[in-house]
Amino acid sequence: MRNVCLLALVSSALASAACDEDAGGDSQPAGFANSATGPCMQNAVATCDCPDGTRSSQGCLPTGSWGACFCDDVAGAGGGGDGGGGSGGAANGQPPPAMNGGDQGTGGGPPPEQTTGGEGRQRVIAPDGTLLYGPHGSAINARDGATGQQELLLAKIAQQPVASWMTGYSGNIESSVRSIVTAAQGAGGVPVLVAYNIPGRDCGNYSAGGAGSADAYRTWIDGFAAGIGALPALVILEPDAITLNDCLDDALKQERYDMLKHAIDAFAAQPATAVYLDGGHSGWLSTGELTARLELAGVASARGFSINTSNFQTTTNSITYGDTVAGNLGGAHYLIDTSRNGLGPYDGGGESWCNPPGRALGEAPTTTTGQPQVDAMVWVKPPGESDGTCQGGPPAGQFWTQYAVGLAERASW
């Protein structure tokens, strides 16, 4: 059985000698120049699929060339791995939990530290170098079913951490969340969780749904927060909830703001949770309008906000936009989704947000951003998952291998 030899992550400071313990060499396996990895599980040997078609336990040449490294079980090896329980690989042999129909896996690295400074906004849960948790199970499965160049391209996606989206289909929300944060803690990483269950979600569009009532939503949120408990987590709260609310009348808008305030308070009450209220993207609301809506939703009690979720705006434009909003809010912090923004937004007309052609992966996830207000660049939208039945894509959330390969092929790294 093939087990992923990476603990999917982001700290360049730890990006040396990945898998050396088992591979027996000092070379850094290819494709890990911007990622941190951990050793293979006991009784497994690390090997790397190199761009020239060879397989090596010493890393690929030239050093840093793109390749995919895996842990290959030998006799007596334990369970886990990509196929363990139908989920993303766990390098420590622990089967990762399933969530929202998707696969979860492990991250790795040193346990995060936290500091507090009074209000929720000042809480630092993921300082520079913190490793993020969340293998992309669909990409891992697609990679394992591919060969040659396609396998290498899918490995670009499969080795990076992605967010875990929690919805009304996530089963018992408290236990589902607890399983993720517990596995992340065991791996030494911090999970990025997305709360996506607001009533009237997506104004009835491709991702319509949500809790049946405000009371049901509050109960769901309370279970979500309880599932996190005292363990570290970054929570992105309700993509599009404040930016896509024009379908609501004034009373329902206020009800939504009240629900978001409740959610922020519930997450901020947890000692190691940083919550970021989603704020759309730089091509949507003006900075002034976004500031006003964030304030109405209670962002002052949160760590800050997130931008570019599932969108394609460049990182440069996102930082300009985000810094302005952060300044308006008195120094809030924010996250940027860089999963698919490598070539910026599509300008060919139509539904430019829905499976636009010709896009590319953006920067790999990292908590070392070089920007004082940007806590992390994260892959909130798992690359390769469809936005909906547009541009020939499958239903929203389903993995689209052809699109994923294109994103990876056009990436600058």
Protein backbone atom coordinates (compact mmCIF):
# COMPACT_ATOMS: atom_id res chain seq x y z
CA MET A 1 0.00 0.00 0.00
CA ARG A 2 1.20 3.49 -0.79
CA ASN A 3 1.09 6.02 2.03
CA VAL A 4 1.58 9.73 1.50
CA CYS A 5 5.01 10.63 2.85
CA LEU A 6 4.15 14.26 3.34
CA LEU A 7 2.45 15.84 6.24
CA ALA A 8 0.96 18.37 3.90
CA LEU A 9 2.27 21.55 4.91
CA VAL A 10 3.67 24.92 4.75
CA SER A 11 6.63 25.99 6.81
CA SER A 12 9.64 26.55 4.58
CA ALA A 13 11.82 26.52 7.70
CA LEU A 14 11.12 22.80 8.05
CA ALA A 15 11.35 21.98 4.36
CA SER A 16 14.62 20.10 4.58
CA ALA A 17 15.49 16.43 4.64
CA ALA A 18 11.88 15.37 4.18
CA CYS A 19 11.53 11.63 4.75
CA ASP A 20 15.29 11.32 5.23
CA GLU A 21 14.76 9.17 8.30
CA ASP A 22 13.35 6.38 6.18
CA ALA A 23 14.79 7.18 2.78
CA GLY A 24 18.30 6.99 4.15
CA GLY A 25 19.60 9.99 2.21
CA ASP A 26 20.27 13.66 2.72
CA SER A 27 18.61 14.86 -0.48
CA GLN A 28 15.34 16.70 -0.16
CA PRO A 29 12.69 14.84 -2.15
CA ALA A 30 11.55 16.85 -5.15
CA GLY A 31 8.43 18.94 -4.88
CA PHE A 32 8.94 19.75 -1.20
CA ALA A 33 10.87 22.99 -1.56
CA ASN A 34 7.89 24.97 -0.30
CA SER A 35 6.41 22.38 2.02
CA ALA A 36 7.23 20.69 5.28
CA THR A 37 7.00 16.96 5.51
CA GLY A 38 7.51 14.31 8.10
CA PRO A 39 9.05 10.86 8.14
CA CYS A 40 7.16 7.83 6.91
CA MET A 41 5.35 5.63 9.35
CA GLN A 42 7.27 2.73 10.90
CA ASN A 43 8.13 -0.10 8.49
CA ALA A 44 7.57 2.08 5.42
CA VAL A 45 10.18 3.28 2.95
CA ALA A 46 10.04 6.66 1.26
CA THR A 47 10.30 6.79 -2.51
CA CYS A 48 9.90 9.64 -4.96
CA ASP A 49 8.45 9.58 -8.46
CA CYS A 50 10.77 11.88 -10.39
CA PRO A 51 9.98 13.93 -13.51
CA ASP A 52 12.28 11.79 -15.65
CA GLY A 53 10.18 8.71 -14.91
CA THR A 54 12.55 7.19 -12.38
CA ARG A 55 11.74 6.37 -8.78
CA SER A 56 14.27 7.16 -6.07
CA SER A 57 14.61 6.95 -2.30
CA GLN A 58 17.28 9.65 -2.39
CA GLY A 59 15.27 12.49 -3.94
CA CYS A 60 15.10 13.70 -7.52
CA LEU A 61 17.72 15.54 -9.50
CA PRO A 62 18.04 18.39 -10.08
CA THR A 63 17.23 19.12 -6.45
CA GLY A 64 13.89 20.86 -6.23
CA SER A 65 12.56 19.50 -9.52
CA TRP A 66 8.94 18.49 -9.28
CA GLY A 67 8.19 15.00 -8.11
CA ALA A 68 5.84 13.19 -5.76
CA CYS A 69 7.07 11.28 -2.74
CA PHE A 70 5.23 8.47 -1.07
CA CYS A 71 5.66 5.94 1.69
CA ASP A 72 5.61 2.40 0.36
CA ASP A 73 4.64 -0.24 2.91
CA VAL A 74 6.92 -3.20 3.37
CA ALA A 75 6.12 -6.49 5.07
CA GLY A 76 4.46 -5.96 8.42
CA ALA A 77 3.56 -2.34 7.80
CA GLY A 78 0.53 -1.00 9.59
CA GLY A 79 -2.66 0.47 8.21
CA GLY A 80 -3.51 4.01 7.29
CA GLY A 81 -2.37 5.72 4.13
CA ASP A 82 -4.35 6.98 1.19
CA GLY A 83 -6.61 3.96 1.21
CA GLY A 84 -7.05 3.68 4.96
CA GLY A 85 -10.76 3.79 5.60
CA GLY A 86 -11.32 5.42 2.24
CA SER A 87 -9.65 8.61 3.40
CA GLY A 88 -6.59 10.76 2.90
CA GLY A 89 -3.33 9.33 4.18
CA ALA A 90 -2.23 9.52 7.78
CA ALA A 91 1.52 9.24 8.08
CA ASN A 92 1.22 8.22 11.71
CA GLY A 93 -1.01 5.28 10.76
CA GLN A 94 -4.12 6.84 12.27
CA PRO A 95 -7.08 6.72 9.87
CA PRO A 96 -8.14 10.33 9.31
CA PRO A 97 -11.79 11.26 9.82
CA ALA A 98 -14.29 11.68 7.03
CA MET A 99 -16.11 15.02 6.73
CA ASN A 100 -18.80 16.27 4.42
CA GLY A 101 -18.37 13.34 2.09
CA GLY A 102 -14.68 14.14 1.63
CA ASP A 103 -11.40 12.70 2.78
CA GLN A 104 -9.34 14.14 5.57
CA GLY A 105 -5.74 13.45 6.42
CA THR A 106 -2.87 14.69 8.45
CA GLY A 107 -0.63 17.65 8.64
CA GLY A 108 2.60 17.82 10.55
CA GLY A 109 5.15 19.90 12.38
CA PRO A 110 5.66 21.42 15.80
CA PRO A 111 2.66 22.06 18.03
CA PRO A 112 1.43 25.62 17.61
CA GLU A 113 1.77 28.15 20.36
CA GLN A 114 -0.89 30.68 21.22
CA THR A 115 -0.83 34.07 22.81
CA THR A 116 -3.71 36.23 23.81
CA GLY A 117 -4.05 39.95 24.12
CA GLY A 118 -7.54 40.56 25.36
CA GLU A 119 -10.10 40.84 22.58
CA GLY A 120 -10.52 38.01 20.11
CA ARG A 121 -8.85 40.01 17.35
CA GLN A 122 -5.56 39.95 19.23
CA ARG A 123 -5.44 36.18 19.63
CA VAL A 124 -2.58 34.62 17.66
CA ILE A 125 -3.30 30.96 16.94
CA ALA A 126 -1.05 30.39 13.92
CA PRO A 127 2.18 32.41 14.17
CA ASP A 128 4.69 32.36 11.33
CA GLY A 129 5.85 28.83 10.61
CA THR A 130 2.80 27.07 12.01
CA LEU A 131 1.87 24.06 9.90
CA LEU A 132 -1.61 23.67 8.49
CA TYR A 133 -3.67 20.48 8.41
CA GLY A 134 -5.97 19.00 5.79
CA PRO A 135 -4.97 16.74 2.90
CA HIS A 136 -7.21 16.88 -0.15
CA GLY A 137 -8.59 13.32 -0.30
CA SER A 138 -10.17 13.65 -3.74
CA ALA A 139 -6.90 14.88 -5.22
CA ILE A 140 -4.99 12.08 -3.48
CA ASN A 141 -7.35 9.49 -4.95
CA ALA A 142 -7.12 11.07 -8.40
CA ARG A 143 -3.34 11.12 -8.22
CA ASP A 144 -3.20 7.48 -7.22
CA GLY A 145 -5.35 6.55 -10.22
CA ALA A 146 -3.19 8.51 -12.64
CA THR A 147 0.13 7.82 -14.32
CA GLY A 148 2.98 9.76 -15.85
CA GLN A 149 2.75 13.52 -16.16
CA GLN A 150 -0.85 13.61 -14.98
CA GLU A 151 0.14 11.90 -11.74
CA LEU A 152 2.90 14.44 -11.16
CA LEU A 153 0.56 17.36 -11.79
CA LEU A 154 -2.12 16.00 -9.47
CA ALA A 155 0.57 15.49 -6.83
CA LYS A 156 1.09 19.25 -6.78
CA ILE A 157 -2.43 19.54 -5.41
CA ALA A 158 -2.51 16.37 -3.34
CA GLN A 159 0.48 17.34 -1.22
CA GLN A 160 -0.97 20.65 -0.04
CA PRO A 161 -3.33 21.21 2.93
CA VAL A 162 -6.87 22.31 2.16
CA ALA A 163 -9.72 23.54 4.32
CA SER A 164 -12.39 21.22 5.72
CA TRP A 165 -15.87 22.43 4.84
CA MET A 166 -18.50 21.69 7.47
CA THR A 167 -22.15 21.76 6.44
CA GLY A 168 -25.47 20.31 7.48
CA TYR A 169 -24.33 17.07 5.81
CA SER A 170 -21.34 16.65 8.10
CA GLY A 171 -23.17 14.33 10.49
CA ASN A 172 -23.01 15.06 14.20
CA ILE A 173 -21.19 18.35 13.98
CA GLU A 174 -19.56 18.21 17.39
CA SER A 175 -18.05 14.76 16.91
CA SER A 176 -17.12 15.44 13.27
CA VAL A 177 -15.22 18.58 14.20
CA ARG A 178 -13.62 16.97 17.23
CA SER A 179 -12.24 14.14 15.11
CA ILE A 180 -10.57 16.63 12.77
CA VAL A 181 -9.04 18.88 15.42
CA THR A 182 -7.89 15.87 17.43
CA ALA A 183 -6.16 14.31 14.42
CA ALA A 184 -4.60 17.67 13.56
CA GLN A 185 -3.31 18.07 17.10
CA GLY A 186 -1.79 14.61 16.97
CA ALA A 187 -0.03 15.53 13.74
CA GLY A 188 1.23 18.85 15.09
CA GLY A 189 -0.80 20.97 12.66
CA VAL A 190 -3.67 23.43 12.78
CA PRO A 191 -6.82 22.73 10.74
CA VAL A 192 -8.64 25.32 8.66
CA LEU A 193 -12.38 24.73 9.10
CA VAL A 194 -15.15 26.39 7.10
CA ALA A 195 -18.58 26.86 8.67
CA TYR A 196 -21.03 26.78 5.75
CA ASN A 197 -24.56 26.24 6.95
CA ILE A 198 -26.24 29.64 7.21
CA PRO A 199 -29.99 29.55 6.42
CA GLY A 200 -30.70 30.71 2.86
CA ARG A 201 -27.14 29.94 1.81
CA ASP A 202 -25.96 31.13 -1.61
CA CYS A 203 -29.32 32.80 -2.30
CA GLY A 204 -30.58 29.57 -3.86
CA ASN A 205 -27.74 29.27 -6.41
CA TYR A 206 -25.41 26.32 -7.05
CA SER A 207 -24.59 25.88 -3.35
CA ALA A 208 -28.07 26.49 -1.96
CA GLY A 209 -28.98 24.99 1.39
CA GLY A 210 -28.22 25.68 5.02
CA ALA A 211 -29.87 25.17 8.39
CA GLY A 212 -33.65 25.22 8.49
CA SER A 213 -33.97 28.12 10.94
CA ALA A 214 -31.98 30.63 12.96
CA ASP A 215 -32.41 28.53 16.09
CA ALA A 216 -31.24 25.40 14.30
CA TYR A 217 -28.20 27.31 13.06
CA ARG A 218 -27.28 28.53 16.52
CA THR A 219 -27.51 24.98 17.85
CA TRP A 220 -25.30 23.75 15.00
CA ILE A 221 -22.73 26.48 15.64
CA ASP A 222 -22.65 25.73 19.35
CA GLY A 223 -21.93 22.08 18.56
CA PHE A 224 -19.22 23.13 16.09
CA ALA A 225 -17.51 25.31 18.71
CA ALA A 226 -17.82 22.60 21.34
CA GLY A 227 -16.18 20.14 18.97
CA ILE A 228 -13.13 22.41 18.68
CA GLY A 229 -12.93 22.90 22.41
CA ALA A 230 -9.47 23.91 23.59
CA LEU A 231 -7.58 22.62 20.53
CA PRO A 232 -6.17 25.03 17.92
CA ALA A 233 -8.22 25.82 14.82
CA LEU A 234 -8.69 28.54 12.22
CA VAL A 235 -12.37 28.98 11.32
CA ILE A 236 -13.64 30.74 8.21
CA LEU A 237 -17.20 31.77 8.87
CA GLU A 238 -19.85 31.48 6.17
CA PRO A 239 -18.49 32.30 2.72
CA ASP A 240 -20.73 34.81 0.89
CA ALA A 241 -23.06 35.28 3.87
CA ILE A 242 -22.56 39.04 4.08
CA THR A 243 -21.58 39.72 0.48
CA LEU A 244 -24.39 37.73 -1.11
CA ASN A 245 -27.37 38.87 0.93
CA ASP A 246 -29.30 41.00 -1.55
CA CYS A 247 -31.87 38.23 -1.85
CA LEU A 248 -32.89 38.92 1.77
CA ASP A 249 -35.26 41.59 2.99
CA ASP A 250 -34.18 43.92 5.79
CA ALA A 251 -35.56 41.71 8.55
CA LEU A 252 -33.82 38.60 7.23
CA LYS A 253 -30.57 40.53 6.76
CA GLN A 254 -30.66 41.56 10.40
CA GLU A 255 -31.45 38.00 11.43
CA ARG A 256 -28.41 36.84 9.47
CA TYR A 257 -26.16 39.44 11.09
CA ASP A 258 -27.40 38.30 14.49
CA MET A 259 -26.64 34.67 13.64
CA LEU A 260 -23.13 35.61 12.56
CA LYS A 261 -22.57 37.56 15.78
CA HIS A 262 -23.62 34.48 17.74
CA ALA A 263 -21.22 32.34 15.73
CA ILE A 264 -18.30 34.73 16.19
CA ASP A 265 -18.92 34.85 19.95
CA ALA A 266 -19.15 31.05 20.15
CA PHE A 267 -15.85 30.53 18.34
CA ALA A 268 -14.06 33.43 20.04
CA ALA A 269 -14.97 31.91 23.41
CA GLN A 270 -12.77 28.90 22.64
CA PRO A 271 -9.25 29.44 23.96
CA ALA A 272 -7.36 28.42 20.81
CA THR A 273 -9.74 29.31 17.98
CA ALA A 274 -9.23 32.20 15.58
CA VAL A 275 -12.38 33.05 13.61
CA TYR A 276 -12.41 34.97 10.33
CA LEU A 277 -15.69 36.26 8.89
CA ASP A 278 -15.76 35.79 5.12
CA GLY A 279 -15.65 39.02 3.14
CA GLY A 280 -15.95 38.04 -0.51
CA HIS A 281 -13.19 39.25 -2.81
CA SER A 282 -11.54 42.38 -4.14
CA GLY A 283 -13.68 42.46 -7.27
CA TRP A 284 -16.99 42.48 -5.40
CA LEU A 285 -17.92 45.05 -2.74
CA SER A 286 -16.11 48.34 -2.25
CA THR A 287 -13.80 48.42 0.75
CA GLY A 288 -16.18 50.82 2.49
CA GLU A 289 -19.22 48.61 1.93
CA LEU A 290 -17.41 45.48 3.06
CA THR A 291 -16.18 47.27 6.18
CA ALA A 292 -19.73 48.30 7.05
CA ARG A 293 -21.13 44.80 6.59
CA LEU A 294 -18.33 43.18 8.58
CA GLU A 295 -19.02 45.57 11.42
CA LEU A 296 -22.75 44.80 11.34
CA ALA A 297 -21.89 41.12 11.67
CA GLY A 298 -19.72 41.64 14.76
CA VAL A 299 -16.24 41.33 13.28
CA ALA A 300 -14.81 43.35 16.18
CA SER A 301 -14.99 40.19 18.30
CA ALA A 302 -13.26 38.05 15.67
CA ARG A 303 -9.62 37.73 14.70
CA GLY A 304 -10.63 39.33 11.42
CA PHE A 305 -11.94 38.31 8.01
CA SER A 306 -11.12 36.15 5.00
CA ILE A 307 -11.08 37.13 1.34
CA ASN A 308 -10.98 35.53 -2.10
CA THR A 309 -12.69 32.32 -0.96
CA SER A 310 -13.25 30.15 -4.04
CA ASN A 311 -12.33 33.11 -6.25
CA PHE A 312 -9.49 34.10 -8.54
CA GLN A 313 -8.38 37.62 -7.65
CA THR A 314 -4.60 37.97 -7.55
CA THR A 315 -2.77 37.89 -4.26
CA THR A 316 -1.41 41.39 -4.92
CA ASN A 317 -4.88 42.85 -5.42
CA SER A 318 -6.19 40.89 -2.46
CA ILE A 319 -3.52 42.34 -0.18
CA THR A 320 -4.23 45.89 -1.34
CA TYR A 321 -7.94 45.37 -0.76
CA GLY A 322 -7.52 43.46 2.48
CA ASP A 323 -5.10 45.95 4.01
CA THR A 324 -7.52 48.78 3.33
CA VAL A 325 -10.38 46.93 5.01
CA ALA A 326 -8.12 45.89 7.88
CA GLY A 327 -7.15 49.50 8.39
CA ASN A 328 -10.79 50.56 8.37
CA LEU A 329 -11.41 48.00 11.11
CA GLY A 330 -8.59 49.22 13.31
CA GLY A 331 -6.04 46.53 12.54
CA ALA A 332 -8.00 43.35 11.89
CA HIS A 333 -6.13 40.38 10.43
CA TYR A 334 -7.18 38.30 7.46
CA LEU A 335 -6.68 35.16 5.38
CA ILE A 336 -6.40 34.93 1.59
CA ASP A 337 -7.55 31.95 -0.46
CA THR A 338 -4.79 31.42 -3.02
CA SER A 339 -5.99 28.04 -4.27
CA ARG A 340 -6.78 29.10 -7.83
CA ASN A 341 -5.55 32.68 -8.27
CA GLY A 342 -2.23 32.05 -10.00
CA LEU A 343 -3.32 33.76 -13.21
CA GLY A 344 -5.94 36.08 -11.74
CA PRO A 345 -9.61 36.27 -12.74
CA TYR A 346 -11.04 35.22 -16.09
CA ASP A 347 -11.99 38.14 -18.34
CA GLY A 348 -13.79 36.22 -21.05
CA GLY A 349 -17.29 37.07 -19.86
CA GLY A 350 -20.07 34.83 -18.61
CA GLU A 351 -19.97 33.33 -15.13
CA SER A 352 -16.34 34.23 -14.54
CA TRP A 353 -16.44 32.81 -11.02
CA CYS A 354 -17.71 29.37 -12.05
CA ASN A 355 -15.06 26.95 -13.37
CA PRO A 356 -13.43 29.63 -15.54
CA PRO A 357 -11.02 28.21 -18.11
CA GLY A 358 -7.30 28.79 -18.17
CA ARG A 359 -6.77 29.38 -14.44
CA ALA A 360 -3.84 28.24 -12.30
CA LEU A 361 -2.93 27.29 -8.76
CA GLY A 362 -1.76 30.22 -6.66
CA GLU A 363 0.78 30.29 -3.86
CA ALA A 364 1.02 27.17 -1.74
CA PRO A 365 -0.56 27.49 1.70
CA THR A 366 1.65 29.16 4.28
CA THR A 367 1.48 30.99 7.58
CA THR A 368 4.68 32.85 6.71
CA THR A 369 3.23 35.58 4.52
CA GLY A 370 5.56 38.56 4.92
CA GLN A 371 2.47 40.72 5.38
CA PRO A 372 1.69 41.95 8.90
CA GLN A 373 -2.09 41.73 8.59
CA VAL A 374 -2.19 38.50 6.57
CA ASP A 375 -2.21 35.59 9.00
CA ALA A 376 -2.05 32.94 6.29
CA MET A 377 -2.50 32.12 2.65
CA VAL A 378 -4.75 29.10 2.58
CA TRP A 379 -6.46 26.83 0.10
CA VAL A 380 -10.05 27.27 1.20
CA LYS A 381 -11.47 25.99 -2.07
CA PRO A 382 -9.94 22.54 -2.66
CA PRO A 383 -8.46 22.89 -6.17
CA GLY A 384 -10.18 20.64 -8.66
CA GLU A 385 -13.57 20.70 -6.95
CA SER A 386 -16.21 22.03 -9.32
CA ASP A 387 -17.99 25.33 -8.71
CA GLY A 388 -21.14 23.93 -10.28
CA THR A 389 -22.62 22.71 -13.53
CA CYS A 390 -21.08 25.42 -15.68
CA GLN A 391 -18.31 25.34 -18.30
CA GLY A 392 -19.00 21.62 -18.64
CA GLY A 393 -18.26 20.92 -14.97
CA PRO A 394 -19.89 18.38 -12.65
CA PRO A 395 -22.14 19.46 -9.73
CA ALA A 396 -20.66 21.77 -7.12
CA GLY A 397 -18.14 20.06 -4.86
CA GLN A 398 -17.38 17.10 -7.12
CA PHE A 399 -13.76 16.61 -8.13
CA TRP A 400 -13.05 17.36 -11.78
CA THR A 401 -9.74 15.77 -12.72
CA GLN A 402 -9.36 17.56 -16.04
CA TYR A 403 -9.78 20.96 -14.43
CA ALA A 404 -7.42 20.08 -11.58
CA VAL A 405 -4.70 19.00 -14.01
CA GLY A 406 -5.05 22.30 -15.87
CA LEU A 407 -4.71 24.31 -12.66
CA ALA A 408 -1.53 22.47 -11.76
CA GLU A 409 -0.08 22.57 -15.26
CA ARG A 410 -0.40 26.36 -15.48
CA ALA A 411 0.95 27.03 -11.97
CA SER A 412 4.18 29.02 -11.77
CA TRP A 413 5.77 26.48 -9.44
